[in-house]
């Protein structure tokens, strides 16, 4: 994952890890899920480039192919990386909300 000042809510690796946290998915299912929960449409280049990088880093792994589709699942290292990112974003959200005088419940 990137450093705290570079992370965005539309960061493909973070979105993919978040999607796979709910169970294995192939590329098309990942794209649909990400669009559903994040409102982000990842093109094939961004999606499969991020999948390749996550796989190379041991954060996701392929499962046996289902027909022409190759599903992926998050690894324990990927779950740890996602948990660390979520905790970091939570801390940042709390800090930002505090500086704005908002409660997290008030953030749209």
C-alpha atoms as a PDB file:
ATOM      1  CA  UNK A   1       0.000   0.000   0.000  1.00  0.00           C
ATOM      2  CA  UNK A   2       1.095   3.621  -0.401  1.00  0.00           C
ATOM      3  CA  UNK A   3       2.028   6.097   2.273  1.00  0.00           C
ATOM      4  CA  UNK A   4      -0.706   8.041   4.078  1.00  0.00           C
ATOM      5  CA  UNK A   5      -0.412  11.201   1.993  1.00  0.00           C
ATOM      6  CA  UNK A   6      -0.747   9.313  -1.289  1.00  0.00           C
ATOM      7  CA  UNK A   7      -3.674   6.983  -0.540  1.00  0.00           C
ATOM      8  CA  UNK A   8      -6.964   7.748  -2.244  1.00  0.00           C
ATOM      9  CA  UNK A   9     -10.389   6.229  -1.797  1.00  0.00           C
ATOM     10  CA  UNK A  10     -10.215   5.134  -5.452  1.00  0.00           C
ATOM     11  CA  UNK A  11      -6.823   3.404  -5.104  1.00  0.00           C
ATOM     12  CA  UNK A  12      -7.217   0.175  -7.168  1.00  0.00           C
ATOM     13  CA  UNK A  13      -5.175  -2.113  -4.859  1.00  0.00           C
ATOM     14  CA  UNK A  14      -7.113  -0.937  -1.810  1.00  0.00           C
ATOM     15  CA  UNK A  15     -10.439  -1.377  -3.613  1.00  0.00           C
ATOM     16  CA  UNK A  16      -9.491  -4.880  -4.766  1.00  0.00           C
ATOM     17  CA  UNK A  17      -8.393  -5.954  -1.283  1.00  0.00           C
ATOM     18  CA  UNK A  18     -11.631  -4.559   0.149  1.00  0.00           C
ATOM     19  CA  UNK A  19     -13.681  -6.485  -2.398  1.00  0.00           C
ATOM     20  CA  UNK A  20     -11.805  -9.738  -1.840  1.00  0.00           C
ATOM     21  CA  UNK A  21     -12.226  -9.400   1.937  1.00  0.00           C
ATOM     22  CA  UNK A  22     -15.811 -10.607   1.431  1.00  0.00           C
ATOM     23  CA  UNK A  23     -14.743 -13.654  -0.594  1.00  0.00           C
ATOM     24  CA  UNK A  24     -13.003 -14.796  -3.806  1.00  0.00           C
ATOM     25  CA  UNK A  25     -13.926 -13.128  -7.081  1.00  0.00           C
ATOM     26  CA  UNK A  26     -12.768 -13.093 -10.702  1.00  0.00           C
ATOM     27  CA  UNK A  27     -11.918  -9.863 -12.506  1.00  0.00           C
ATOM     28  CA  UNK A  28     -15.385  -8.987 -13.809  1.00  0.00           C
ATOM     29  CA  UNK A  29     -17.003  -9.696 -10.428  1.00  0.00           C
ATOM     30  CA  UNK A  30     -14.342  -7.549  -8.750  1.00  0.00           C
ATOM     31  CA  UNK A  31     -15.053  -4.643 -11.096  1.00  0.00           C
ATOM     32  CA  UNK A  32     -18.828  -4.904 -10.509  1.00  0.00           C
ATOM     33  CA  UNK A  33     -18.436  -5.161  -6.729  1.00  0.00           C
ATOM     34  CA  UNK A  34     -16.051  -2.184  -6.591  1.00  0.00           C
ATOM     35  CA  UNK A  35     -18.391  -0.094  -8.699  1.00  0.00           C
ATOM     36  CA  UNK A  36     -21.236  -1.045  -6.347  1.00  0.00           C
ATOM     37  CA  UNK A  37     -19.581  -0.211  -3.018  1.00  0.00           C
ATOM     38  CA  UNK A  38     -17.204   2.576  -4.066  1.00  0.00           C
ATOM     39  CA  UNK A  39     -18.793   4.078  -7.170  1.00  0.00           C
ATOM     40  CA  UNK A  40     -15.462   3.632  -8.969  1.00  0.00           C
ATOM     41  CA  UNK A  41     -15.275   2.095 -12.426  1.00  0.00           C
ATOM     42  CA  UNK A  42     -11.881   0.454 -12.956  1.00  0.00           C
ATOM     43  CA  UNK A  43     -10.874  -0.144 -16.536  1.00  0.00           C
ATOM     44  CA  UNK A  44      -9.251  -3.452 -17.468  1.00  0.00           C
ATOM     45  CA  UNK A  45      -5.735  -1.968 -17.440  1.00  0.00           C
ATOM     46  CA  UNK A  46      -6.070  -0.522 -13.940  1.00  0.00           C
ATOM     47  CA  UNK A  47      -7.845  -3.618 -12.609  1.00  0.00           C
ATOM     48  CA  UNK A  48      -5.522  -6.272 -13.996  1.00  0.00           C
ATOM     49  CA  UNK A  49      -2.396  -4.178 -13.425  1.00  0.00           C
ATOM     50  CA  UNK A  50      -3.318  -3.858  -9.753  1.00  0.00           C
ATOM     51  CA  UNK A  51      -4.175  -7.574  -9.559  1.00  0.00           C
ATOM     52  CA  UNK A  52      -0.727  -8.408 -10.930  1.00  0.00           C
ATOM     53  CA  UNK A  53       1.017  -6.132  -8.423  1.00  0.00           C
ATOM     54  CA  UNK A  54      -1.024  -7.486  -5.500  1.00  0.00           C
ATOM     55  CA  UNK A  55      -0.270 -11.054  -6.552  1.00  0.00           C
ATOM     56  CA  UNK A  56       3.462 -10.290  -6.898  1.00  0.00           C
ATOM     57  CA  UNK A  57       3.456  -8.858  -3.364  1.00  0.00           C
ATOM     58  CA  UNK A  58       1.686 -11.926  -1.969  1.00  0.00           C
ATOM     59  CA  UNK A  59      -1.421  -9.977  -0.947  1.00  0.00           C
ATOM     60  CA  UNK A  60      -3.783 -11.968  -3.172  1.00  0.00           C
ATOM     61  CA  UNK A  61      -3.533 -15.368  -4.825  1.00  0.00           C
ATOM     62  CA  UNK A  62      -5.239 -16.999  -7.790  1.00  0.00           C
ATOM     63  CA  UNK A  63      -7.550 -19.956  -7.352  1.00  0.00           C
ATOM     64  CA  UNK A  64      -8.111 -22.679  -9.937  1.00  0.00           C
ATOM     65  CA  UNK A  65      -9.823 -21.307 -13.043  1.00  0.00           C
ATOM     66  CA  UNK A  66     -13.576 -21.559 -13.416  1.00  0.00           C
ATOM     67  CA  UNK A  67     -14.120 -22.009 -17.141  1.00  0.00           C
ATOM     68  CA  UNK A  68     -12.315 -18.968 -18.613  1.00  0.00           C
ATOM     69  CA  UNK A  69     -12.382 -16.934 -15.416  1.00  0.00           C
ATOM     70  CA  UNK A  70      -9.611 -16.913 -12.831  1.00  0.00           C
ATOM     71  CA  UNK A  71     -10.809 -16.066  -9.319  1.00  0.00           C
ATOM     72  CA  UNK A  72      -8.554 -14.495  -6.710  1.00  0.00           C
ATOM     73  CA  UNK A  73      -8.642 -14.473  -2.936  1.00  0.00           C
ATOM     74  CA  UNK A  74      -7.043 -12.296  -0.329  1.00  0.00           C
ATOM     75  CA  UNK A  75      -4.121 -13.865   1.568  1.00  0.00           C
ATOM     76  CA  UNK A  76      -3.458 -13.458   5.294  1.00  0.00           C
ATOM     77  CA  UNK A  77      -0.796 -10.863   4.384  1.00  0.00           C
ATOM     78  CA  UNK A  78      -3.377  -9.060   2.228  1.00  0.00           C
ATOM     79  CA  UNK A  79      -5.898  -9.062   5.082  1.00  0.00           C
ATOM     80  CA  UNK A  80      -3.215  -7.608   7.379  1.00  0.00           C
ATOM     81  CA  UNK A  81      -2.367  -4.908   4.820  1.00  0.00           C
ATOM     82  CA  UNK A  82      -6.050  -4.043   4.389  1.00  0.00           C
ATOM     83  CA  UNK A  83      -6.583  -3.894   8.162  1.00  0.00           C
ATOM     84  CA  UNK A  84      -3.600  -1.548   8.517  1.00  0.00           C
ATOM     85  CA  UNK A  85      -4.933   0.684   5.726  1.00  0.00           C
ATOM     86  CA  UNK A  86      -8.420   0.780   7.229  1.00  0.00           C
ATOM     87  CA  UNK A  87      -6.989   1.661  10.659  1.00  0.00           C
ATOM     88  CA  UNK A  88      -4.874   4.422   9.096  1.00  0.00           C
ATOM     89  CA  UNK A  89      -7.854   5.842   7.189  1.00  0.00           C
ATOM     90  CA  UNK A  90      -9.944   5.705  10.374  1.00  0.00           C
ATOM     91  CA  UNK A  91      -7.309   7.670  12.296  1.00  0.00           C
ATOM     92  CA  UNK A  92      -7.145  10.222   9.483  1.00  0.00           C
ATOM     93  CA  UNK A  93     -10.952  10.510   9.360  1.00  0.00           C
ATOM     94  CA  UNK A  94     -11.086  11.075  13.127  1.00  0.00           C
ATOM     95  CA  UNK A  95      -8.381  13.738  12.906  1.00  0.00           C
ATOM     96  CA  UNK A  96     -10.013  15.485   9.971  1.00  0.00           C
ATOM     97  CA  UNK A  97     -13.451  15.378  11.592  1.00  0.00           C
ATOM     98  CA  UNK A  98     -12.022  16.730  14.828  1.00  0.00           C
ATOM     99  CA  UNK A  99     -10.277  19.595  13.076  1.00  0.00           C
ATOM    100  CA  UNK A 100     -13.515  20.452  11.274  1.00  0.00           C
ATOM    101  CA  UNK A 101     -15.548  20.191  14.446  1.00  0.00           C
ATOM    102  CA  UNK A 102     -17.601  17.309  13.050  1.00  0.00           C
ATOM    103  CA  UNK A 103     -18.569  13.977  14.467  1.00  0.00           C
ATOM    104  CA  UNK A 104     -17.961  11.020  12.158  1.00  0.00           C
ATOM    105  CA  UNK A 105     -21.723  10.502  12.060  1.00  0.00           C
ATOM    106  CA  UNK A 106     -22.036  13.923  10.430  1.00  0.00           C
ATOM    107  CA  UNK A 107     -19.697  13.104   7.560  1.00  0.00           C
ATOM    108  CA  UNK A 108     -21.667  12.318   4.370  1.00  0.00           C
END
